[in-house]
PDB file of N, CA and C in Angstrom:
ATOM      1  N   MET A   1     112.794 109.641 106.175  1.00  0.00           N
ATOM      2  CA  MET A   1     112.403 109.122 105.791  1.00  0.00           C
ATOM      3  C   MET A   1     113.465 107.691 106.733  1.00  0.00           C
ATOM      4  N   ALA A   2     113.842 106.544 106.719  1.00  0.00           N
ATOM      5  CA  ALA A   2     115.264 106.128 108.325  1.00  0.00           C
ATOM      6  C   ALA A   2     116.291 105.888 107.044  1.00  0.00           C
ATOM      7  N   ALA A   3     116.917 105.913 107.304  1.00  0.00           N
ATOM      8  CA  ALA A   3     118.586 105.784 106.672  1.00  0.00           C
ATOM      9  C   ALA A   3     118.680 104.615 106.352  1.00  0.00           C
ATOM     10  N   ARG A   4     119.145 104.175 105.260  1.00  0.00           N
ATOM     11  CA  ARG A   4     119.689 103.029 104.809  1.00  0.00           C
ATOM     12  C   ARG A   4     120.221 102.460 105.399  1.00  0.00           C
ATOM     13  N   LYS A   5     120.423 100.563 105.545  1.00  0.00           N
ATOM     14  CA  LYS A   5     121.395  99.966 105.921  1.00  0.00           C
ATOM     15  C   LYS A   5     122.599 100.299 105.070  1.00  0.00           C
ATOM     16  N   GLN A   6     124.063 100.234 105.119  1.00  0.00           N
ATOM     17  CA  GLN A   6     124.981  99.800 104.107  1.00  0.00           C
ATOM     18  C   GLN A   6     125.204  98.714 104.785  1.00  0.00           C
ATOM     19  N   TYR A   7     125.717  97.126 103.650  1.00  0.00           N
ATOM     20  CA  TYR A   7     125.568  96.442 103.716  1.00  0.00           C
ATOM     21  C   TYR A   7     125.830  95.403 102.443  1.00  0.00           C
ATOM     22  N   PRO A   8     128.193  95.729 103.085  1.00  0.00           N
ATOM     23  CA  PRO A   8     128.361  94.557 101.801  1.00  0.00           C
ATOM     24  C   PRO A   8     128.184  92.801 101.843  1.00  0.00           C
ATOM     25  N   LEU A   9     128.063  93.380  99.986  1.00  0.00           N
ATOM     26  CA  LEU A   9     127.720  92.026  98.798  1.00  0.00           C
ATOM     27  C   LEU A   9     128.819  90.816  98.799  1.00  0.00           C
ATOM     28  N   ARG A  10     128.403  89.528  98.971  1.00  0.00           N
ATOM     29  CA  ARG A  10     129.668  89.122  98.110  1.00  0.00           C
ATOM     30  C   ARG A  10     128.856  88.345  96.740  1.00  0.00           C
ATOM     31  N   ILE A  11     128.939  88.628  96.046  1.00  0.00           N
ATOM     32  CA  ILE A  11     128.350  88.481  94.490  1.00  0.00           C
ATOM     33  C   ILE A  11     129.204  87.639  93.671  1.00  0.00           C
ATOM     34  N   ASP A  12     128.565  86.621  92.851  1.00  0.00           N
ATOM     35  CA  ASP A  12     128.928  85.821  91.831  1.00  0.00           C
ATOM     36  C   ASP A  12     129.524  86.831  90.768  1.00  0.00           C
ATOM     37  N   PRO A  13     130.466  86.816  89.528  1.00  0.00           N
ATOM     38  CA  PRO A  13     130.306  87.937  88.947  1.00  0.00           C
ATOM     39  C   PRO A  13     130.269  88.678  87.607  1.00  0.00           C
ATOM     40  N   GLU A  14     129.791  87.307  87.776  1.00  0.00           N
ATOM     41  CA  GLU A  14     128.651  86.679  85.757  1.00  0.00           C
ATOM     42  C   GLU A  14     126.436  87.286  87.262  1.00  0.00           C
ATOM     43  N   VAL A  15     126.893  86.924  87.548  1.00  0.00           N
ATOM     44  CA  VAL A  15     125.656  87.832  88.347  1.00  0.00           C
ATOM     45  C   VAL A  15     125.263  89.302  88.022  1.00  0.00           C
ATOM     46  N   TRP A  16     126.140  89.568  88.980  1.00  0.00           N
ATOM     47  CA  TRP A  16     127.281  91.277  88.978  1.00  0.00           C
ATOM     48  C   TRP A  16     126.591  91.588  87.725  1.00  0.00           C
ATOM     49  N   HIS A  17     127.074  91.265  86.771  1.00  0.00           N
ATOM     50  CA  HIS A  17     126.887  91.749  85.694  1.00  0.00           C
ATOM     51  C   HIS A  17     126.121  92.206  84.607  1.00  0.00           C
ATOM     52  N   ALA A  18     124.903  90.510  84.910  1.00  0.00           N
ATOM     53  CA  ALA A  18     123.164  90.220  84.749  1.00  0.00           C
ATOM     54  C   ALA A  18     123.171  91.854  85.029  1.00  0.00           C
ATOM     55  N   ILE A  19     123.281  91.877  86.689  1.00  0.00           N
ATOM     56  CA  ILE A  19     122.647  93.074  87.173  1.00  0.00           C
ATOM     57  C   ILE A  19     122.868  94.408  86.658  1.00  0.00           C
ATOM     58  N   GLU A  20     123.932  94.991  86.025  1.00  0.00           N
ATOM     59  CA  GLU A  20     125.125  95.728  85.962  1.00  0.00           C
ATOM     60  C   GLU A  20     123.536  95.918  84.983  1.00  0.00           C
ATOM     61  N   ARG A  21     123.480  95.530  83.496  1.00  0.00           N
ATOM     62  CA  ARG A  21     122.978  95.475  81.999  1.00  0.00           C
ATOM     63  C   ARG A  21     121.627  95.667  82.453  1.00  0.00           C
ATOM     64  N   TRP A  22     120.727  94.912  83.617  1.00  0.00           N
ATOM     65  CA  TRP A  22     119.228  94.875  83.022  1.00  0.00           C
ATOM     66  C   TRP A  22     118.875  97.103  84.523  1.00  0.00           C
ATOM     67  N   ALA A  23     119.685  97.045  85.506  1.00  0.00           N
ATOM     68  CA  ALA A  23     119.996  97.702  86.038  1.00  0.00           C
ATOM     69  C   ALA A  23     119.657  99.944  84.272  1.00  0.00           C
ATOM     70  N   GLU A  24     120.609  98.996  84.060  1.00  0.00           N
ATOM     71  CA  GLU A  24     121.240  99.963  82.989  1.00  0.00           C
ATOM     72  C   GLU A  24     119.700 100.268  81.894  1.00  0.00           C
ATOM     73  N   ASP A  25     119.396  99.352  81.795  1.00  0.00           N
ATOM     74  CA  ASP A  25     118.277  99.148  80.404  1.00  0.00           C
ATOM     75  C   ASP A  25     117.120 100.339  81.344  1.00  0.00           C
ATOM     76  N   ASP A  26     116.876  99.805  82.599  1.00  0.00           N
ATOM     77  CA  ASP A  26     116.054 100.760  83.817  1.00  0.00           C
ATOM     78  C   ASP A  26     115.884 101.578  83.973  1.00  0.00           C
ATOM     79  N   MET A  27     117.329 102.580  83.953  1.00  0.00           N
ATOM     80  CA  MET A  27     118.428 103.560  83.976  1.00  0.00           C
ATOM     81  C   MET A  27     118.495 103.443  85.200  1.00  0.00           C
ATOM     82  N   ARG A  28     118.180 102.519  86.500  1.00  0.00           N
ATOM     83  CA  ARG A  28     118.831 102.728  87.304  1.00  0.00           C
ATOM     84  C   ARG A  28     120.137 102.781  87.678  1.00  0.00           C
ATOM     85  N   SER A  29     120.783 102.681  88.436  1.00  0.00           N
ATOM     86  CA  SER A  29     121.984 102.269  89.028  1.00  0.00           C
ATOM     87  C   SER A  29     122.741 101.219  89.294  1.00  0.00           C
ATOM     88  N   ALA A  30     123.424 100.442  89.432  1.00  0.00           N
ATOM     89  CA  ALA A  30     123.093  98.597  89.801  1.00  0.00           C
ATOM     90  C   ALA A  30     122.757  98.560  91.493  1.00  0.00           C
ATOM     91  N   ASN A  31     122.569  99.964  92.719  1.00  0.00           N
ATOM     92  CA  ASN A  31     122.471  99.315  94.355  1.00  0.00           C
ATOM     93  C   ASN A  31     121.490  99.468  93.659  1.00  0.00           C
ATOM     94  N   GLY A  32     120.447 100.714  92.776  1.00  0.00           N
ATOM     95  CA  GLY A  32     118.846 100.643  93.054  1.00  0.00           C
ATOM     96  C   GLY A  32     118.028  99.911  91.977  1.00  0.00           C
ATOM     97  N   GLN A  33     118.697  98.987  91.601  1.00  0.00           N
ATOM     98  CA  GLN A  33     118.205  97.316  90.580  1.00  0.00           C
ATOM     99  C   GLN A  33     117.870  96.779  92.140  1.00  0.00           C
ATOM    100  N   VAL A  34     119.505  96.262  92.587  1.00  0.00           N
ATOM    101  CA  VAL A  34     119.143  95.020  93.626  1.00  0.00           C
ATOM    102  C   VAL A  34     118.311  95.894  94.610  1.00  0.00           C
ATOM    103  N   GLU A  35     118.879  96.633  94.952  1.00  0.00           N
ATOM    104  CA  GLU A  35     116.989  97.633  96.221  1.00  0.00           C
ATOM    105  C   GLU A  35     115.520  96.798  95.499  1.00  0.00           C
ATOM    106  N   TRP A  36     115.390  97.823  94.524  1.00  0.00           N
ATOM    107  CA  TRP A  36     114.326  96.720  93.824  1.00  0.00           C
ATOM    108  C   TRP A  36     114.262  96.000  93.757  1.00  0.00           C
ATOM    109  N   ILE A  37     115.351  94.291  93.526  1.00  0.00           N
ATOM    110  CA  ILE A  37     115.207  93.142  92.499  1.00  0.00           C
ATOM    111  C   ILE A  37     114.122  92.580  94.363  1.00  0.00           C
ATOM    112  N   LEU A  38     115.128  92.975  96.253  1.00  0.00           N
ATOM    113  CA  LEU A  38     114.931  92.684  97.081  1.00  0.00           C
ATOM    114  C   LEU A  38     113.160  92.624  97.001  1.00  0.00           C
ATOM    115  N   ARG A  39     112.567  93.343  96.910  1.00  0.00           N
ATOM    116  CA  ARG A  39     112.108  93.961  97.050  1.00  0.00           C
ATOM    117  C   ARG A  39     110.524  93.822  96.505  1.00  0.00           C
ATOM    118  N   GLN A  40     110.512  93.108  94.907  1.00  0.00           N
ATOM    119  CA  GLN A  40     109.998  93.203  94.614  1.00  0.00           C
ATOM    120  C   GLN A  40     110.129  91.824  94.365  1.00  0.00           C
ATOM    121  N   ALA A  41     111.091  90.390  95.021  1.00  0.00           N
ATOM    122  CA  ALA A  41     110.988  89.097  95.880  1.00  0.00           C
ATOM    123  C   ALA A  41     109.590  89.682  96.935  1.00  0.00           C
ATOM    124  N   LEU A  42     110.524  90.468  97.545  1.00  0.00           N
ATOM    125  CA  LEU A  42     109.532  90.317  99.768  1.00  0.00           C
ATOM    126  C   LEU A  42     108.201  90.839  99.049  1.00  0.00           C
ATOM    127  N   LYS A  43     107.768  92.151  97.738  1.00  0.00           N
ATOM    128  CA  LYS A  43     106.324  92.406  97.753  1.00  0.00           C
ATOM    129  C   LYS A  43     105.554  90.369  97.949  1.00  0.00           C
ATOM    130  N   GLN A  44     106.349  89.477  95.946  1.00  0.00           N
ATOM    131  CA  GLN A  44     106.164  88.334  95.759  1.00  0.00           C
ATOM    132  C   GLN A  44     105.847  87.413  96.830  1.00  0.00           C
ATOM    133  N   ALA A  45     106.621  87.385  98.056  1.00  0.00           N
ATOM    134  CA  ALA A  45     106.725  86.576  98.920  1.00  0.00           C
ATOM    135  C   ALA A  45     106.042  86.614 100.295  1.00  0.00           C
ATOM    136  N   GLY A  46     104.910  88.394  99.917  1.00  0.00           N
ATOM    137  CA  GLY A  46     103.519  88.857 100.765  1.00  0.00           C
ATOM    138  C   GLY A  46     104.824  89.164 102.279  1.00  0.00           C
ATOM    139  N   ARG A  47     106.368  89.871 102.537  1.00  0.00           N
ATOM    140  CA  ARG A  47     107.263  90.434 103.511  1.00  0.00           C
ATOM    141  C   ARG A  47     107.349  91.041 103.233  1.00  0.00           C
ATOM    142  N   LEU A  48     106.414  92.044 102.837  1.00  0.00           N
ATOM    143  CA  LEU A  48     107.047  93.716 102.779  1.00  0.00           C
ATOM    144  C   LEU A  48     105.752  93.964 103.230  1.00  0.00           C
ATOM    145  N   PRO A  49     105.295  95.470 103.701  1.00  0.00           N
ATOM    146  CA  PRO A  49     103.916  95.501 104.707  1.00  0.00           C
ATOM    147  C   PRO A  49     103.740  96.444 103.786  1.00  0.00           C
ATOM    148  N   GLU A  50     102.876  96.856 102.799  1.00  0.00           N
ATOM    149  CA  GLU A  50     101.762  97.127 101.647  1.00  0.00           C
ATOM    150  C   GLU A  50     102.223  98.659 102.127  1.00  0.00           C
ATOM    151  N   ASP A  51     102.522  99.395 102.492  1.00  0.00           N
ATOM    152  CA  ASP A  51     102.477 100.715 102.111  1.00  0.00           C
ATOM    153  C   ASP A  51     104.879 101.399 102.117  1.00  0.00           C
ATOM    154  N   LYS A  52     105.299 100.076 102.502  1.00  0.00           N
ATOM    155  CA  LYS A  52     106.576 100.020 102.705  1.00  0.00           C
ATOM    156  C   LYS A  52     107.215  99.647 101.429  1.00  0.00           C
ATOM    157  N   GLY A  53     106.049  98.913  99.989  1.00  0.00           N
ATOM    158  CA  GLY A  53     106.470  98.878  98.792  1.00  0.00           C
ATOM    159  C   GLY A  53     106.484  99.509  97.953  1.00  0.00           C
ATOM    160  N   LYS A  54     105.490 100.949  98.206  1.00  0.00           N
ATOM    161  CA  LYS A  54     105.408 102.035  97.314  1.00  0.00           C
ATOM    162  C   LYS A  54     106.754 102.733  97.548  1.00  0.00           C
ATOM    163  N   GLN A  55     107.271 102.687  96.385  1.00  0.00           N
ATOM    164  CA  GLN A  55     107.964 103.351  96.234  1.00  0.00           C
ATOM    165  C   GLN A  55     107.595 105.461  94.734  1.00  0.00           C
ATOM    166  N   LYS A  56     108.736 105.765  94.814  1.00  0.00           N
ATOM    167  CA  LYS A  56     107.616 107.146  93.994  1.00  0.00           C
ATOM    168  C   LYS A  56     108.097 106.430  92.412  1.00  0.00           C
ATOM    169  N   ASP A  57     109.896 105.277  91.834  1.00  0.00           N
ATOM    170  CA  ASP A  57     109.946 104.843  90.458  1.00  0.00           C
ATOM    171  C   ASP A  57     109.189 103.230  91.008  1.00  0.00           C
ATOM    172  N   GLU A  58     108.901 102.832  90.537  1.00  0.00           N
ATOM    173  CA  GLU A  58     108.034 101.544  91.845  1.00  0.00           C
ATOM    174  C   GLU A  58     107.355 101.448  89.610  1.00  0.00           C
ATOM    175  N   ARG A  59     108.764 100.415  88.843  1.00  0.00           N
ATOM    176  CA  ARG A  59     108.271  99.605  87.664  1.00  0.00           C
ATOM    177  C   ARG A  59     107.963  98.093  88.310  1.00  0.00           C
ATOM    178  N   SER A  60     106.719  97.737  87.637  1.00  0.00           N
ATOM    179  CA  SER A  60     106.381  96.608  87.872  1.00  0.00           C
ATOM    180  C   SER A  60     106.749  95.831  86.450  1.00  0.00           C
TER     181      SER A  60
END
């Protein structure tokens, strides 16, 4: 597996708080939740190859 890219993210505090709550509900870290949200959006837009969209803990 390739190394993960680190990227600083500026985000509205209310949005971040909502992500943290959602992550807690899904038993993920906030970082994991952001990655999951981005991956779902990419899949929905048809911009993520199928094999790259498969995760061991993918919840739809």
